[in-house]
Amino acid sequence: MPVDGSVELDELQWTEEPVKATGGREKPNLRKIVDETFRHGSEERIAVLVCGPAQMARELRTHVGRWVEKGREVFFHDESFGW
């Protein structure tokens, strides 16, 4: 890992296909997506990458934070934008 703490995605080891919450006409149910993803196992590290409105990223961080409080190891990357 670089000294500045950055991570290259191609260096991560993927054990499952990434969960993508894109497309469609309705707002994705972020809590459901997070809970389903984190329930797959209790030991693996999870990377959460979000790009979207700041409010959506804050909501996602709240849902992920519940799992972090339970001891899950999470890499969280946020590229929020506003209008």
C-alpha atoms as a PDB file:
ATOM      1  CA  MET A   1       0.000   0.000   0.000  1.00  0.00           C
ATOM      2  CA  PRO A   2       1.364   3.451  -0.851  1.00  0.00           C
ATOM      3  CA  VAL A   3       2.576   5.670   1.997  1.00  0.00           C
ATOM      4  CA  ASP A   4      -0.321   8.107   1.479  1.00  0.00           C
ATOM      5  CA  GLY A   5      -2.852   5.325   2.159  1.00  0.00           C
ATOM      6  CA  SER A   6      -4.245   5.284  -1.370  1.00  0.00           C
ATOM      7  CA  VAL A   7      -5.424   2.033  -2.922  1.00  0.00           C
ATOM      8  CA  GLU A   8      -5.268   0.904  -6.517  1.00  0.00           C
ATOM      9  CA  LEU A   9      -8.434  -1.023  -7.359  1.00  0.00           C
ATOM     10  CA  ASP A  10      -6.570  -3.456  -9.567  1.00  0.00           C
ATOM     11  CA  GLU A  11      -4.523  -4.455  -6.486  1.00  0.00           C
ATOM     12  CA  LEU A  12      -7.623  -5.527  -4.545  1.00  0.00           C
ATOM     13  CA  GLN A  13      -8.507  -9.204  -4.507  1.00  0.00           C
ATOM     14  CA  TRP A  14     -12.115  -9.738  -5.516  1.00  0.00           C
ATOM     15  CA  THR A  15     -13.877 -12.765  -4.066  1.00  0.00           C
ATOM     16  CA  GLU A  16     -17.301 -11.894  -5.474  1.00  0.00           C
ATOM     17  CA  GLU A  17     -18.701  -9.749  -8.201  1.00  0.00           C
ATOM     18  CA  PRO A  18     -19.129  -6.108  -7.173  1.00  0.00           C
ATOM     19  CA  VAL A  19     -22.659  -4.995  -6.281  1.00  0.00           C
ATOM     20  CA  LYS A  20     -23.753  -2.241  -8.638  1.00  0.00           C
ATOM     21  CA  ALA A  21     -26.697  -0.015  -7.801  1.00  0.00           C
ATOM     22  CA  THR A  22     -27.030   1.815 -11.087  1.00  0.00           C
ATOM     23  CA  GLY A  23     -29.708   2.213 -13.672  1.00  0.00           C
ATOM     24  CA  GLY A  24     -33.423   2.025 -13.214  1.00  0.00           C
ATOM     25  CA  ARG A  25     -35.792   4.867 -12.530  1.00  0.00           C
ATOM     26  CA  GLU A  26     -36.146   4.526  -8.796  1.00  0.00           C
ATOM     27  CA  LYS A  27     -33.778   5.422  -6.002  1.00  0.00           C
ATOM     28  CA  PRO A  28     -31.872   2.295  -4.926  1.00  0.00           C
ATOM     29  CA  ASN A  29     -32.667   0.926  -1.471  1.00  0.00           C
ATOM     30  CA  LEU A  30     -29.219   1.559  -0.007  1.00  0.00           C
ATOM     31  CA  ARG A  31     -29.940  -0.031   3.350  1.00  0.00           C
ATOM     32  CA  LYS A  32     -31.078  -3.255   1.683  1.00  0.00           C
ATOM     33  CA  ILE A  33     -28.041  -3.353  -0.607  1.00  0.00           C
ATOM     34  CA  VAL A  34     -25.629  -2.750   2.290  1.00  0.00           C
ATOM     35  CA  ASP A  35     -27.277  -5.284   4.598  1.00  0.00           C
ATOM     36  CA  GLU A  36     -27.384  -7.991   1.914  1.00  0.00           C
ATOM     37  CA  THR A  37     -23.731  -7.374   1.047  1.00  0.00           C
ATOM     38  CA  PHE A  38     -22.469  -7.433   4.634  1.00  0.00           C
ATOM     39  CA  ARG A  39     -24.487 -10.533   5.588  1.00  0.00           C
ATOM     40  CA  HIS A  40     -22.490 -12.730   3.185  1.00  0.00           C
ATOM     41  CA  GLY A  41     -19.772 -13.212   5.783  1.00  0.00           C
ATOM     42  CA  SER A  42     -18.373 -11.662   8.884  1.00  0.00           C
ATOM     43  CA  GLU A  43     -14.647 -11.850   8.307  1.00  0.00           C
ATOM     44  CA  GLU A  44     -13.943 -10.464   4.847  1.00  0.00           C
ATOM     45  CA  ARG A  45     -13.088  -6.824   4.269  1.00  0.00           C
ATOM     46  CA  ILE A  46     -15.471  -4.867   2.096  1.00  0.00           C
ATOM     47  CA  ALA A  47     -14.765  -1.925  -0.177  1.00  0.00           C
ATOM     48  CA  VAL A  48     -17.603   0.549  -0.673  1.00  0.00           C
ATOM     49  CA  LEU A  49     -17.203   2.964  -3.574  1.00  0.00           C
ATOM     50  CA  VAL A  50     -19.838   5.640  -4.057  1.00  0.00           C
ATOM     51  CA  CYS A  51     -20.161   8.316  -6.699  1.00  0.00           C
ATOM     52  CA  GLY A  52     -23.273  10.447  -6.638  1.00  0.00           C
ATOM     53  CA  PRO A  53     -25.029  13.257  -4.810  1.00  0.00           C
ATOM     54  CA  ALA A  54     -23.586  14.154  -1.396  1.00  0.00           C
ATOM     55  CA  GLN A  55     -26.863  13.301   0.358  1.00  0.00           C
ATOM     56  CA  MET A  56     -26.818   9.777  -1.099  1.00  0.00           C
ATOM     57  CA  ALA A  57     -23.207   9.276   0.003  1.00  0.00           C
ATOM     58  CA  ARG A  58     -24.096  10.430   3.551  1.00  0.00           C
ATOM     59  CA  GLU A  59     -27.009   7.990   3.657  1.00  0.00           C
ATOM     60  CA  LEU A  60     -24.794   5.167   2.430  1.00  0.00           C
ATOM     61  CA  ARG A  61     -22.113   6.036   5.008  1.00  0.00           C
ATOM     62  CA  THR A  62     -24.761   5.833   7.762  1.00  0.00           C
ATOM     63  CA  HIS A  63     -25.845   2.334   6.687  1.00  0.00           C
ATOM     64  CA  VAL A  64     -22.248   1.129   6.328  1.00  0.00           C
ATOM     65  CA  GLY A  65     -21.375   2.729   9.667  1.00  0.00           C
ATOM     66  CA  ARG A  66     -23.776   0.398  11.485  1.00  0.00           C
ATOM     67  CA  TRP A  67     -21.675  -2.528  10.258  1.00  0.00           C
ATOM     68  CA  VAL A  68     -18.391  -0.808  11.126  1.00  0.00           C
ATOM     69  CA  GLU A  69     -19.698  -0.371  14.687  1.00  0.00           C
ATOM     70  CA  LYS A  70     -20.169  -4.148  14.760  1.00  0.00           C
ATOM     71  CA  GLY A  71     -16.481  -4.597  13.939  1.00  0.00           C
ATOM     72  CA  ARG A  72     -16.500  -4.955  10.155  1.00  0.00           C
ATOM     73  CA  GLU A  73     -13.437  -3.734   8.278  1.00  0.00           C
ATOM     74  CA  VAL A  74     -14.475  -1.377   5.469  1.00  0.00           C
ATOM     75  CA  PHE A  75     -12.644   0.674   2.856  1.00  0.00           C
ATOM     76  CA  PHE A  76     -14.990   3.585   1.997  1.00  0.00           C
ATOM     77  CA  HIS A  77     -14.353   5.850  -0.982  1.00  0.00           C
ATOM     78  CA  ASP A  78     -16.682   8.763  -1.730  1.00  0.00           C
ATOM     79  CA  GLU A  79     -16.723  10.889  -4.864  1.00  0.00           C
ATOM     80  CA  SER A  80     -19.747  13.044  -4.108  1.00  0.00           C
ATOM     81  CA  PHE A  81     -20.986  15.818  -6.301  1.00  0.00           C
ATOM     82  CA  GLY A  82     -23.690  18.446  -6.087  1.00  0.00           C
ATOM     83  CA  TRP A  83     -25.865  20.327  -8.499  1.00  0.00           C
END
